[in-house]
Amino acid sequence: MHIVLLGIKPELSDPRFRFHECGTCEEAQEVSSIIKPKIILVVEDLAQEFLPFALSLAVKMVVISEAYPLSLTAVRSWTALGAADVWANREWPARLRNSLDEQKISAAGTTSHEHHERNRAGERTVIAVGSVFEGAGSTHTALLIAEYLARVAKTKVAVWEGGSHPCFSFLEYIRQGEFSSSPRYEVNSLSLFKGELSEHWVHSLMNEYRFTVLDLGSLHTSSQAELFVQSRLPVLVGSGSEWRTKELISFCREHQRVPQDYWRIALPLASEENQEIIAGCLSGRPVFAIPYHPDPFKSDPNTDELLEGLLSPILDKPKKRGLARFF
């Protein structure tokens, strides 16, 4: 659980909490915009300045006061302004633990299906999408994959643009009509993390999502290639044209020391004939021709069928019924 501390020292050592200590309101706003914490604890001297931002983010903000014991009037004065609660500085660690215990008690009443979904959410899968040349379609493919996973798994999916040509800010402008300084943009069930977000934050955010899709763009740097091969499911985007097959073969040869049988080769707009030709050249690596799909945020039966096969290693296997379960 992410907790942002503004003007407060993390005096609590508990593996259930991940504290982010901030010294200024500007720093706390930046961190909160990235991680969307469960709770923000703000020292009373900075609470008035920070409260409007906390309300706009719709996150629980607790004011930490030096007064002890707290008067009912002091608590009501802050909660009337929109703060979730007021805790005394000397007792906030205990109050934080108690708030988590209360959440566990309320969760005890959930159904077995809800418990199963929470357990499934504990699994973390990283899908890396990279291309062998600029403009091959890694971003479009990454969004297709993320949107499909969000629908079939009924979960939020994170997408990070790690390529050299970021476009999520412009996408936000096209869809919203204005630019935003926020490092993330929410579309349907996708959290799009913009290119200015550092790799440090990306690794931290992976723990908050069942699926994280890395849009790495052209894999021309060692750091991008490393993220690609280390992912649970690498998706290599190339061209369906025969004359560009050499680029796919060259990339595979450059990384021949890495097992590649779990790689997926995606060829946007490739014909069935060219898909078979390239599959023959890349023996042992599954090759998929992605059909025409101009809007990645809308579903299409043909694309869904293709993505079901491409993502089969990380998708839940359908349960067998009747006598079939014995075979």
C-alpha atoms as a PDB file:
ATOM      1  CA  MET A   1       0.000   0.000   0.000  1.00  0.00           C
ATOM      2  CA  HIS A   2       1.418   3.375  -1.062  1.00  0.00           C
ATOM      3  CA  ILE A   3       1.349   6.125   1.595  1.00  0.00           C
ATOM      4  CA  VAL A   4       2.487   9.685   0.858  1.00  0.00           C
ATOM      5  CA  LEU A   5       3.922  11.621   3.811  1.00  0.00           C
ATOM      6  CA  LEU A   6       4.056  15.415   3.515  1.00  0.00           C
ATOM      7  CA  GLY A   7       6.200  17.015   6.200  1.00  0.00           C
ATOM      8  CA  ILE A   8       6.208  13.794   8.243  1.00  0.00           C
ATOM      9  CA  LYS A   9       8.936  11.233   8.947  1.00  0.00           C
ATOM     10  CA  PRO A  10       8.173   7.548   8.255  1.00  0.00           C
ATOM     11  CA  GLU A  11       8.408   6.341  11.861  1.00  0.00           C
ATOM     12  CA  LEU A  12       6.597   3.092  11.124  1.00  0.00           C
ATOM     13  CA  SER A  13       8.331  -0.045   9.849  1.00  0.00           C
ATOM     14  CA  ASP A  14       5.725  -2.314   8.299  1.00  0.00           C
ATOM     15  CA  PRO A  15       6.133  -4.314   5.051  1.00  0.00           C
ATOM     16  CA  ARG A  16       2.486  -3.666   4.216  1.00  0.00           C
ATOM     17  CA  PHE A  17       3.169   0.041   3.741  1.00  0.00           C
ATOM     18  CA  ARG A  18       5.374   1.758   1.187  1.00  0.00           C
ATOM     19  CA  PHE A  19       6.077   5.310   2.336  1.00  0.00           C
ATOM     20  CA  HIS A  20       6.965   8.198   0.025  1.00  0.00           C
ATOM     21  CA  GLU A  21       8.387  11.074   2.076  1.00  0.00           C
ATOM     22  CA  CYS A  22       7.902  14.556   0.585  1.00  0.00           C
ATOM     23  CA  GLY A  23       9.130  17.915   1.860  1.00  0.00           C
ATOM     24  CA  THR A  24       7.003  20.284  -0.235  1.00  0.00           C
ATOM     25  CA  CYS A  25       3.460  20.395  -1.574  1.00  0.00           C
ATOM     26  CA  GLU A  26       4.805  20.429  -5.148  1.00  0.00           C
ATOM     27  CA  GLU A  27       6.780  17.232  -4.561  1.00  0.00           C
ATOM     28  CA  ALA A  28       3.806  15.542  -2.888  1.00  0.00           C
ATOM     29  CA  GLN A  29       1.546  16.533  -5.796  1.00  0.00           C
ATOM     30  CA  GLU A  30       3.948  15.027  -8.330  1.00  0.00           C
ATOM     31  CA  VAL A  31       4.352  11.760  -6.415  1.00  0.00           C
ATOM     32  CA  SER A  32       0.615  11.469  -5.728  1.00  0.00           C
ATOM     33  CA  SER A  33      -0.220  12.022  -9.403  1.00  0.00           C
ATOM     34  CA  ILE A  34       2.025   9.118 -10.330  1.00  0.00           C
ATOM     35  CA  ILE A  35       1.187   6.486  -7.751  1.00  0.00           C
ATOM     36  CA  LYS A  36      -2.381   7.410  -6.673  1.00  0.00           C
ATOM     37  CA  PRO A  37      -1.754   6.510  -2.998  1.00  0.00           C
ATOM     38  CA  LYS A  38      -4.334   5.012  -0.665  1.00  0.00           C
ATOM     39  CA  ILE A  39      -3.736   7.693   1.962  1.00  0.00           C
ATOM     40  CA  ILE A  40      -1.850  10.999   2.146  1.00  0.00           C
ATOM     41  CA  LEU A  41      -0.725  12.108   5.592  1.00  0.00           C
ATOM     42  CA  VAL A  42      -0.114  15.869   5.744  1.00  0.00           C
ATOM     43  CA  VAL A  43       1.339  17.892   8.574  1.00  0.00           C
ATOM     44  CA  GLU A  44      -1.155  20.500   9.770  1.00  0.00           C
ATOM     45  CA  ASP A  45       0.945  23.500   8.680  1.00  0.00           C
ATOM     46  CA  LEU A  46       0.750  22.380   5.011  1.00  0.00           C
ATOM     47  CA  ALA A  47      -2.734  20.868   5.047  1.00  0.00           C
ATOM     48  CA  GLN A  48      -4.579  24.034   3.998  1.00  0.00           C
ATOM     49  CA  GLU A  49      -2.333  24.439   0.943  1.00  0.00           C
ATOM     50  CA  PHE A  50      -2.453  20.779  -0.081  1.00  0.00           C
ATOM     51  CA  LEU A  51      -6.138  20.025   0.558  1.00  0.00           C
ATOM     52  CA  PRO A  52      -7.513  21.368  -2.794  1.00  0.00           C
ATOM     53  CA  PHE A  53      -5.164  19.058  -4.697  1.00  0.00           C
ATOM     54  CA  ALA A  54      -6.125  16.038  -2.557  1.00  0.00           C
ATOM     55  CA  LEU A  55      -9.801  16.732  -3.226  1.00  0.00           C
ATOM     56  CA  SER A  56      -9.204  17.020  -6.974  1.00  0.00           C
ATOM     57  CA  LEU A  57      -7.367  13.685  -6.920  1.00  0.00           C
ATOM     58  CA  ALA A  58     -10.173  12.088  -4.878  1.00  0.00           C
ATOM     59  CA  VAL A  59      -7.689  10.529  -2.454  1.00  0.00           C
ATOM     60  CA  LYS A  60      -8.025  10.154   1.307  1.00  0.00           C
ATOM     61  CA  MET A  61      -6.061  12.921   3.066  1.00  0.00           C
ATOM     62  CA  VAL A  62      -5.464  12.795   6.815  1.00  0.00           C
ATOM     63  CA  VAL A  63      -4.225  15.861   8.706  1.00  0.00           C
ATOM     64  CA  ILE A  64      -1.504  15.171  11.289  1.00  0.00           C
ATOM     65  CA  SER A  65      -1.715  17.529  14.265  1.00  0.00           C
ATOM     66  CA  GLU A  66       0.776  18.206  17.056  1.00  0.00           C
ATOM     67  CA  ALA A  67      -2.103  18.698  19.480  1.00  0.00           C
ATOM     68  CA  TYR A  68      -2.828  15.893  21.944  1.00  0.00           C
ATOM     69  CA  PRO A  69      -5.447  15.015  22.858  1.00  0.00           C
ATOM     70  CA  LEU A  70      -7.339  16.257  19.827  1.00  0.00           C
ATOM     71  CA  SER A  71     -10.419  18.346  20.402  1.00  0.00           C
ATOM     72  CA  LEU A  72     -13.634  17.460  18.608  1.00  0.00           C
ATOM     73  CA  THR A  73     -13.822  21.016  17.304  1.00  0.00           C
ATOM     74  CA  ALA A  74     -10.377  20.741  15.666  1.00  0.00           C
ATOM     75  CA  VAL A  75     -11.317  17.478  13.953  1.00  0.00           C
ATOM     76  CA  ARG A  76     -14.614  18.871  12.681  1.00  0.00           C
ATOM     77  CA  SER A  77     -12.958  22.026  11.336  1.00  0.00           C
ATOM     78  CA  TRP A  78     -10.772  19.920   9.029  1.00  0.00           C
ATOM     79  CA  THR A  79     -13.337  17.308   8.039  1.00  0.00           C
ATOM     80  CA  ALA A  80     -15.773  20.104   7.163  1.00  0.00           C
ATOM     81  CA  LEU A  81     -13.210  21.341   4.625  1.00  0.00           C
ATOM     82  CA  GLY A  82     -12.898  17.882   3.063  1.00  0.00           C
ATOM     83  CA  ALA A  83     -10.138  16.115   5.007  1.00  0.00           C
ATOM     84  CA  ALA A  84     -10.856  12.441   5.734  1.00  0.00           C
ATOM     85  CA  ASP A  85      -9.714  12.631   9.361  1.00  0.00           C
ATOM     86  CA  VAL A  86      -7.303  14.239  11.839  1.00  0.00           C
ATOM     87  CA  TRP A  87      -4.753  12.172  13.752  1.00  0.00           C
ATOM     88  CA  ALA A  88      -2.387  13.238  16.489  1.00  0.00           C
ATOM     89  CA  ASN A  89       1.279  13.080  15.481  1.00  0.00           C
ATOM     90  CA  ARG A  90       2.145  10.816  18.388  1.00  0.00           C
ATOM     91  CA  GLU A  91      -0.459   8.217  17.428  1.00  0.00           C
ATOM     92  CA  TRP A  92      -0.625   8.225  13.620  1.00  0.00           C
ATOM     93  CA  PRO A  93       1.353   4.947  13.209  1.00  0.00           C
ATOM     94  CA  ALA A  94      -1.181   3.109  15.380  1.00  0.00           C
ATOM     95  CA  ARG A  95      -4.118   4.776  13.610  1.00  0.00           C
ATOM     96  CA  LEU A  96      -2.695   3.774  10.231  1.00  0.00           C
ATOM     97  CA  ARG A  97      -2.356   0.146  11.313  1.00  0.00           C
ATOM     98  CA  ASN A  98      -5.902   0.190  12.696  1.00  0.00           C
ATOM     99  CA  SER A  99      -7.281   1.580   9.428  1.00  0.00           C
ATOM    100  CA  LEU A 100      -5.698  -1.323   7.526  1.00  0.00           C
ATOM    101  CA  ASP A 101      -7.085  -3.850  10.019  1.00  0.00           C
ATOM    102  CA  GLU A 102     -10.556  -2.347   9.555  1.00  0.00           C
ATOM    103  CA  GLN A 103     -10.240  -2.812   5.798  1.00  0.00           C
ATOM    104  CA  LYS A 104      -9.373  -6.479   6.359  1.00  0.00           C
ATOM    105  CA  ILE A 105     -12.453  -6.962   8.538  1.00  0.00           C
ATOM    106  CA  SER A 106     -14.720  -5.418   5.897  1.00  0.00           C
ATOM    107  CA  ALA A 107     -13.079  -7.578   3.240  1.00  0.00           C
ATOM    108  CA  ALA A 108     -13.908 -10.699   5.256  1.00  0.00           C
ATOM    109  CA  GLY A 109     -17.509 -10.366   4.122  1.00  0.00           C
ATOM    110  CA  THR A 110     -16.721 -10.616   0.416  1.00  0.00           C
ATOM    111  CA  THR A 111     -17.835 -13.587  -1.668  1.00  0.00           C
ATOM    112  CA  SER A 112     -15.560 -16.461  -2.666  1.00  0.00           C
ATOM    113  CA  HIS A 113     -15.548 -15.098  -6.235  1.00  0.00           C
ATOM    114  CA  GLU A 114     -14.307 -11.712  -4.973  1.00  0.00           C
ATOM    115  CA  HIS A 115     -11.619 -13.448  -2.922  1.00  0.00           C
ATOM    116  CA  HIS A 116     -10.551 -15.357  -6.029  1.00  0.00           C
ATOM    117  CA  GLU A 117     -10.308 -12.119  -8.001  1.00  0.00           C
ATOM    118  CA  ARG A 118      -8.194 -10.541  -5.263  1.00  0.00           C
ATOM    119  CA  ASN A 119      -5.869 -13.528  -5.245  1.00  0.00           C
ATOM    120  CA  ARG A 120      -5.601 -13.368  -9.022  1.00  0.00           C
ATOM    121  CA  ALA A 121      -4.790  -9.673  -8.716  1.00  0.00           C
ATOM    122  CA  GLY A 122      -1.780 -10.665  -6.644  1.00  0.00           C
ATOM    123  CA  GLU A 123      -0.127 -12.062  -9.767  1.00  0.00           C
ATOM    124  CA  ARG A 124       2.031  -9.572 -11.668  1.00  0.00           C
ATOM    125  CA  THR A 125       2.675 -10.019 -15.386  1.00  0.00           C
ATOM    126  CA  VAL A 126       4.790  -7.751 -17.583  1.00  0.00           C
ATOM    127  CA  ILE A 127       4.287  -7.773 -21.356  1.00  0.00           C
ATOM    128  CA  ALA A 128       6.963  -5.936 -23.348  1.00  0.00           C
ATOM    129  CA  VAL A 129       6.163  -4.740 -26.864  1.00  0.00           C
ATOM    130  CA  GLY A 130       9.113  -3.645 -28.994  1.00  0.00           C
ATOM    131  CA  SER A 131       9.746  -3.232 -32.699  1.00  0.00           C
ATOM    132  CA  VAL A 132      12.724  -3.944 -34.928  1.00  0.00           C
ATOM    133  CA  PHE A 133      12.483  -0.520 -36.611  1.00  0.00           C
ATOM    134  CA  GLU A 134      10.851   2.860 -35.999  1.00  0.00           C
ATOM    135  CA  GLY A 135       7.220   3.107 -37.055  1.00  0.00           C
ATOM    136  CA  ALA A 136       6.534  -0.629 -37.094  1.00  0.00           C
ATOM    137  CA  GLY A 137       3.522  -0.180 -34.803  1.00  0.00           C
ATOM    138  CA  SER A 138       4.645  -1.025 -31.268  1.00  0.00           C
ATOM    139  CA  THR A 139       2.433   1.616 -29.620  1.00  0.00           C
ATOM    140  CA  HIS A 140      -0.696   0.560 -31.503  1.00  0.00           C
ATOM    141  CA  THR A 141       0.034  -3.094 -30.732  1.00  0.00           C
ATOM    142  CA  ALA A 142       0.687  -2.322 -27.047  1.00  0.00           C
ATOM    143  CA  LEU A 143      -2.652  -0.502 -26.745  1.00  0.00           C
ATOM    144  CA  LEU A 144      -4.495  -3.343 -28.505  1.00  0.00           C
ATOM    145  CA  ILE A 145      -2.991  -5.826 -26.046  1.00  0.00           C
ATOM    146  CA  ALA A 146      -3.693  -3.670 -22.988  1.00  0.00           C
ATOM    147  CA  GLU A 147      -7.302  -2.963 -23.953  1.00  0.00           C
ATOM    148  CA  TYR A 148      -7.939  -6.655 -24.619  1.00  0.00           C
ATOM    149  CA  LEU A 149      -6.427  -7.717 -21.277  1.00  0.00           C
ATOM    150  CA  ALA A 150      -8.478  -5.115 -19.414  1.00  0.00           C
ATOM    151  CA  ARG A 151     -11.678  -6.479 -20.969  1.00  0.00           C
ATOM    152  CA  VAL A 152     -11.086 -10.219 -20.647  1.00  0.00           C
ATOM    153  CA  ALA A 153      -9.439 -10.090 -17.206  1.00  0.00           C
ATOM    154  CA  LYS A 154     -11.756  -7.326 -15.942  1.00  0.00           C
ATOM    155  CA  THR A 155      -8.894  -5.411 -14.382  1.00  0.00           C
ATOM    156  CA  LYS A 156      -6.966  -2.171 -14.673  1.00  0.00           C
ATOM    157  CA  VAL A 157      -3.934  -2.414 -16.961  1.00  0.00           C
ATOM    158  CA  ALA A 158      -0.894  -0.113 -16.948  1.00  0.00           C
ATOM    159  CA  VAL A 159       0.856   0.968 -20.144  1.00  0.00           C
ATOM    160  CA  TRP A 160       4.196   2.796 -20.122  1.00  0.00           C
ATOM    161  CA  GLU A 161       5.599   4.456 -23.229  1.00  0.00           C
ATOM    162  CA  GLY A 162       9.331   3.849 -23.073  1.00  0.00           C
ATOM    163  CA  GLY A 163      10.186   4.540 -26.700  1.00  0.00           C
ATOM    164  CA  SER A 164      11.946   7.554 -28.178  1.00  0.00           C
ATOM    165  CA  HIS A 165       8.742   8.995 -29.685  1.00  0.00           C
ATOM    166  CA  PRO A 166       6.215   9.409 -26.818  1.00  0.00           C
ATOM    167  CA  CYS A 167       2.652  10.234 -27.840  1.00  0.00           C
ATOM    168  CA  PHE A 168       0.400   9.719 -24.803  1.00  0.00           C
ATOM    169  CA  SER A 169       0.342  13.454 -24.016  1.00  0.00           C
ATOM    170  CA  PHE A 170      -0.850  14.178 -27.545  1.00  0.00           C
ATOM    171  CA  LEU A 171      -3.385  11.352 -27.303  1.00  0.00           C
ATOM    172  CA  GLU A 172      -4.759  12.990 -24.153  1.00  0.00           C
ATOM    173  CA  TYR A 173      -4.960  16.319 -25.981  1.00  0.00           C
ATOM    174  CA  ILE A 174      -6.830  14.778 -28.926  1.00  0.00           C
ATOM    175  CA  ARG A 175      -9.350  13.043 -26.656  1.00  0.00           C
ATOM    176  CA  GLN A 176      -9.689  15.696 -23.934  1.00  0.00           C
ATOM    177  CA  GLY A 177      -9.060  18.900 -25.867  1.00  0.00           C
ATOM    178  CA  GLU A 178      -6.263  20.114 -23.611  1.00  0.00           C
ATOM    179  CA  PHE A 179      -2.775  19.212 -22.473  1.00  0.00           C
ATOM    180  CA  SER A 180      -2.148  18.081 -18.911  1.00  0.00           C
ATOM    181  CA  SER A 181       0.985  18.109 -16.769  1.00  0.00           C
ATOM    182  CA  SER A 182      -0.079  14.873 -15.091  1.00  0.00           C
ATOM    183  CA  PRO A 183       2.306  11.981 -15.819  1.00  0.00           C
ATOM    184  CA  ARG A 184      -0.612   9.572 -16.252  1.00  0.00           C
ATOM    185  CA  TYR A 185      -3.780   9.533 -18.327  1.00  0.00           C
ATOM    186  CA  GLU A 186      -6.744   7.255 -17.712  1.00  0.00           C
ATOM    187  CA  VAL A 187      -8.582   5.774 -20.725  1.00  0.00           C
ATOM    188  CA  ASN A 188     -11.338   3.264 -20.009  1.00  0.00           C
ATOM    189  CA  SER A 189      -9.598   0.648 -17.822  1.00  0.00           C
ATOM    190  CA  LEU A 190      -6.091   1.653 -18.904  1.00  0.00           C
ATOM    191  CA  SER A 191      -3.608   3.763 -16.960  1.00  0.00           C
ATOM    192  CA  LEU A 192      -1.310   5.322 -19.556  1.00  0.00           C
ATOM    193  CA  PHE A 193       1.999   6.435 -18.051  1.00  0.00           C
ATOM    194  CA  LYS A 194       3.720   9.043 -20.164  1.00  0.00           C
ATOM    195  CA  GLY A 195       7.283   8.946 -21.434  1.00  0.00           C
ATOM    196  CA  GLU A 196       8.578  11.496 -18.919  1.00  0.00           C
ATOM    197  CA  LEU A 197       7.945   8.996 -16.132  1.00  0.00           C
ATOM    198  CA  SER A 198      11.281   7.493 -15.114  1.00  0.00           C
ATOM    199  CA  GLU A 199      12.009   3.776 -15.222  1.00  0.00           C
ATOM    200  CA  HIS A 200      12.334   3.878 -11.418  1.00  0.00           C
ATOM    201  CA  TRP A 201       8.643   4.704 -11.077  1.00  0.00           C
ATOM    202  CA  VAL A 202       7.666   2.123 -13.670  1.00  0.00           C
ATOM    203  CA  HIS A 203       9.203  -0.713 -11.633  1.00  0.00           C
ATOM    204  CA  SER A 204       7.414   0.592  -8.560  1.00  0.00           C
ATOM    205  CA  LEU A 205       4.059   0.789 -10.325  1.00  0.00           C
ATOM    206  CA  MET A 206       4.301  -2.739 -11.721  1.00  0.00           C
ATOM    207  CA  ASN A 207       3.381  -4.025  -8.268  1.00  0.00           C
ATOM    208  CA  GLU A 208       0.039  -2.194  -8.407  1.00  0.00           C
ATOM    209  CA  TYR A 209      -1.289  -3.860 -11.561  1.00  0.00           C
ATOM    210  CA  ARG A 210      -1.939  -7.444 -12.557  1.00  0.00           C
ATOM    211  CA  PHE A 211      -0.780  -6.580 -16.084  1.00  0.00           C
ATOM    212  CA  THR A 212       1.782  -3.970 -17.123  1.00  0.00           C
ATOM    213  CA  VAL A 213       2.431  -3.404 -20.823  1.00  0.00           C
ATOM    214  CA  LEU A 214       5.745  -1.770 -21.753  1.00  0.00           C
ATOM    215  CA  ASP A 215       5.680   0.050 -25.086  1.00  0.00           C
ATOM    216  CA  LEU A 216       9.421   0.119 -25.791  1.00  0.00           C
ATOM    217  CA  GLY A 217       9.313   1.394 -29.353  1.00  0.00           C
ATOM    218  CA  SER A 218      12.279   0.510 -31.559  1.00  0.00           C
ATOM    219  CA  LEU A 219      14.637  -1.798 -29.653  1.00  0.00           C
ATOM    220  CA  HIS A 220      17.824   0.021 -30.644  1.00  0.00           C
ATOM    221  CA  THR A 221      19.299   0.520 -27.137  1.00  0.00           C
ATOM    222  CA  SER A 222      20.637  -2.087 -24.717  1.00  0.00           C
ATOM    223  CA  SER A 223      18.337  -0.930 -21.892  1.00  0.00           C
ATOM    224  CA  GLN A 224      15.230  -1.360 -24.050  1.00  0.00           C
ATOM    225  CA  ALA A 225      16.379  -4.762 -25.270  1.00  0.00           C
ATOM    226  CA  GLU A 226      17.051  -5.810 -21.676  1.00  0.00           C
ATOM    227  CA  LEU A 227      13.533  -4.841 -20.569  1.00  0.00           C
ATOM    228  CA  PHE A 228      12.191  -6.722 -23.585  1.00  0.00           C
ATOM    229  CA  VAL A 229      13.896 -10.066 -22.974  1.00  0.00           C
ATOM    230  CA  GLN A 230      13.314  -9.942 -19.196  1.00  0.00           C
ATOM    231  CA  SER A 231       9.536  -9.556 -19.489  1.00  0.00           C
ATOM    232  CA  ARG A 232       7.114 -12.414 -18.932  1.00  0.00           C
ATOM    233  CA  LEU A 233       5.877 -12.162 -22.527  1.00  0.00           C
ATOM    234  CA  PRO A 234       8.003 -10.317 -25.143  1.00  0.00           C
ATOM    235  CA  VAL A 235       6.085  -9.270 -28.269  1.00  0.00           C
ATOM    236  CA  LEU A 236       8.352  -8.365 -31.170  1.00  0.00           C
ATOM    237  CA  VAL A 237       6.697  -6.175 -33.816  1.00  0.00           C
ATOM    238  CA  GLY A 238       7.955  -6.319 -37.383  1.00  0.00           C
ATOM    239  CA  SER A 239       6.757  -5.959 -40.931  1.00  0.00           C
ATOM    240  CA  GLY A 240       4.843  -8.489 -43.005  1.00  0.00           C
ATOM    241  CA  SER A 241       6.814  -7.473 -46.068  1.00  0.00           C
ATOM    242  CA  GLU A 242       9.257 -10.110 -47.255  1.00  0.00           C
ATOM    243  CA  TRP A 243      11.975  -7.528 -47.873  1.00  0.00           C
ATOM    244  CA  ARG A 244      11.928  -6.499 -44.177  1.00  0.00           C
ATOM    245  CA  THR A 245      12.142 -10.044 -42.793  1.00  0.00           C
ATOM    246  CA  LYS A 246      15.904  -9.591 -42.496  1.00  0.00           C
ATOM    247  CA  GLU A 247      15.417  -7.128 -39.613  1.00  0.00           C
ATOM    248  CA  LEU A 248      13.457  -9.681 -37.604  1.00  0.00           C
ATOM    249  CA  ILE A 249      16.028 -12.392 -38.265  1.00  0.00           C
ATOM    250  CA  SER A 250      18.915 -10.067 -37.360  1.00  0.00           C
ATOM    251  CA  PHE A 251      17.342  -9.092 -34.035  1.00  0.00           C
ATOM    252  CA  CYS A 252      16.708 -12.722 -33.109  1.00  0.00           C
ATOM    253  CA  ARG A 253      20.305 -13.613 -33.978  1.00  0.00           C
ATOM    254  CA  GLU A 254      21.662 -10.734 -31.872  1.00  0.00           C
ATOM    255  CA  HIS A 255      19.919 -12.255 -28.853  1.00  0.00           C
ATOM    256  CA  GLN A 256      20.373 -15.928 -29.701  1.00  0.00           C
ATOM    257  CA  ARG A 257      21.752 -16.675 -26.223  1.00  0.00           C
ATOM    258  CA  VAL A 258      18.317 -15.855 -24.794  1.00  0.00           C
ATOM    259  CA  PRO A 259      15.554 -18.501 -25.074  1.00  0.00           C
ATOM    260  CA  GLN A 260      13.106 -17.243 -27.683  1.00  0.00           C
ATOM    261  CA  ASP A 261      10.446 -19.928 -27.820  1.00  0.00           C
ATOM    262  CA  TYR A 262       8.274 -17.801 -25.523  1.00  0.00           C
ATOM    263  CA  TRP A 263       8.574 -14.726 -27.772  1.00  0.00           C
ATOM    264  CA  ARG A 264       5.596 -13.692 -29.903  1.00  0.00           C
ATOM    265  CA  ILE A 265       6.142 -12.129 -33.330  1.00  0.00           C
ATOM    266  CA  ALA A 266       3.429  -9.623 -34.340  1.00  0.00           C
ATOM    267  CA  LEU A 267       3.053  -8.472 -37.945  1.00  0.00           C
ATOM    268  CA  PRO A 268       0.524  -5.633 -38.365  1.00  0.00           C
ATOM    269  CA  LEU A 269      -1.527  -5.908 -41.578  1.00  0.00           C
ATOM    270  CA  ALA A 270       0.452  -8.912 -42.856  1.00  0.00           C
ATOM    271  CA  SER A 271      -1.208 -11.249 -45.328  1.00  0.00           C
ATOM    272  CA  GLU A 272      -1.669 -14.916 -44.434  1.00  0.00           C
ATOM    273  CA  GLU A 273       0.830 -15.891 -47.146  1.00  0.00           C
ATOM    274  CA  ASN A 274       3.543 -13.568 -45.827  1.00  0.00           C
ATOM    275  CA  GLN A 275       2.843 -14.645 -42.261  1.00  0.00           C
ATOM    276  CA  GLU A 276       3.577 -18.249 -43.266  1.00  0.00           C
ATOM    277  CA  ILE A 277       6.751 -17.245 -45.090  1.00  0.00           C
ATOM    278  CA  ILE A 278       8.087 -15.284 -42.106  1.00  0.00           C
ATOM    279  CA  ALA A 279       7.043 -18.050 -39.692  1.00  0.00           C
ATOM    280  CA  GLY A 280       9.150 -20.429 -41.750  1.00  0.00           C
ATOM    281  CA  CYS A 281      12.158 -18.096 -41.487  1.00  0.00           C
ATOM    282  CA  LEU A 282      11.667 -17.729 -37.713  1.00  0.00           C
ATOM    283  CA  SER A 283      11.133 -21.378 -36.890  1.00  0.00           C
ATOM    284  CA  GLY A 284      10.218 -21.989 -33.242  1.00  0.00           C
ATOM    285  CA  ARG A 285       8.774 -18.517 -32.663  1.00  0.00           C
ATOM    286  CA  PRO A 286       4.973 -18.113 -32.958  1.00  0.00           C
ATOM    287  CA  VAL A 287       4.089 -15.524 -35.613  1.00  0.00           C
ATOM    288  CA  PHE A 288       0.776 -13.617 -35.654  1.00  0.00           C
ATOM    289  CA  ALA A 289      -0.655 -11.357 -38.348  1.00  0.00           C
ATOM    290  CA  ILE A 290      -2.558  -8.489 -36.713  1.00  0.00           C
ATOM    291  CA  PRO A 291      -5.624  -7.512 -38.767  1.00  0.00           C
ATOM    292  CA  TYR A 292      -6.672  -3.977 -39.684  1.00  0.00           C
ATOM    293  CA  HIS A 293      -7.863  -2.327 -36.464  1.00  0.00           C
ATOM    294  CA  PRO A 294      -7.731   1.484 -36.593  1.00  0.00           C
ATOM    295  CA  ASP A 295      -9.075   2.237 -33.084  1.00  0.00           C
ATOM    296  CA  PRO A 296      -7.278   0.217 -30.363  1.00  0.00           C
ATOM    297  CA  PHE A 297      -9.839   1.307 -27.750  1.00  0.00           C
ATOM    298  CA  LYS A 298     -12.678  -0.498 -29.546  1.00  0.00           C
ATOM    299  CA  SER A 299     -13.018  -4.268 -29.684  1.00  0.00           C
ATOM    300  CA  ASP A 300     -13.182  -6.304 -32.879  1.00  0.00           C
ATOM    301  CA  PRO A 301     -13.946 -10.064 -33.049  1.00  0.00           C
ATOM    302  CA  ASN A 302     -11.144 -10.787 -35.520  1.00  0.00           C
ATOM    303  CA  THR A 303      -8.537  -8.974 -33.434  1.00  0.00           C
ATOM    304  CA  ASP A 304      -9.829 -10.563 -30.234  1.00  0.00           C
ATOM    305  CA  GLU A 305      -9.397 -14.017 -31.728  1.00  0.00           C
ATOM    306  CA  LEU A 306      -5.842 -13.168 -32.767  1.00  0.00           C
ATOM    307  CA  LEU A 307      -4.949 -11.679 -29.355  1.00  0.00           C
ATOM    308  CA  GLU A 308      -6.367 -14.709 -27.538  1.00  0.00           C
ATOM    309  CA  GLY A 309      -3.767 -16.845 -29.278  1.00  0.00           C
ATOM    310  CA  LEU A 310      -0.955 -14.320 -28.969  1.00  0.00           C
ATOM    311  CA  LEU A 311      -1.537 -13.883 -25.217  1.00  0.00           C
ATOM    312  CA  SER A 312      -2.420 -17.507 -24.443  1.00  0.00           C
ATOM    313  CA  PRO A 313       0.656 -18.086 -22.196  1.00  0.00           C
ATOM    314  CA  ILE A 314      -0.559 -15.476 -19.684  1.00  0.00           C
ATOM    315  CA  LEU A 315      -4.329 -15.894 -19.915  1.00  0.00           C
ATOM    316  CA  ASP A 316      -6.437 -18.091 -17.642  1.00  0.00           C
ATOM    317  CA  LYS A 317      -7.116 -21.477 -19.164  1.00  0.00           C
ATOM    318  CA  PRO A 318     -10.867 -22.191 -19.558  1.00  0.00           C
ATOM    319  CA  LYS A 319     -12.095 -24.795 -17.116  1.00  0.00           C
ATOM    320  CA  LYS A 320     -13.138 -28.128 -18.620  1.00  0.00           C
ATOM    321  CA  ARG A 321     -16.639 -29.318 -17.904  1.00  0.00           C
ATOM    322  CA  GLY A 322     -18.245 -32.727 -17.564  1.00  0.00           C
ATOM    323  CA  LEU A 323     -16.250 -35.756 -18.692  1.00  0.00           C
ATOM    324  CA  ALA A 324     -13.805 -33.541 -20.554  1.00  0.00           C
ATOM    325  CA  ARG A 325     -12.035 -32.678 -17.311  1.00  0.00           C
ATOM    326  CA  PHE A 326     -10.771 -36.283 -17.033  1.00  0.00           C
ATOM    327  CA  PHE A 327      -8.945 -36.174 -20.392  1.00  0.00           C
END
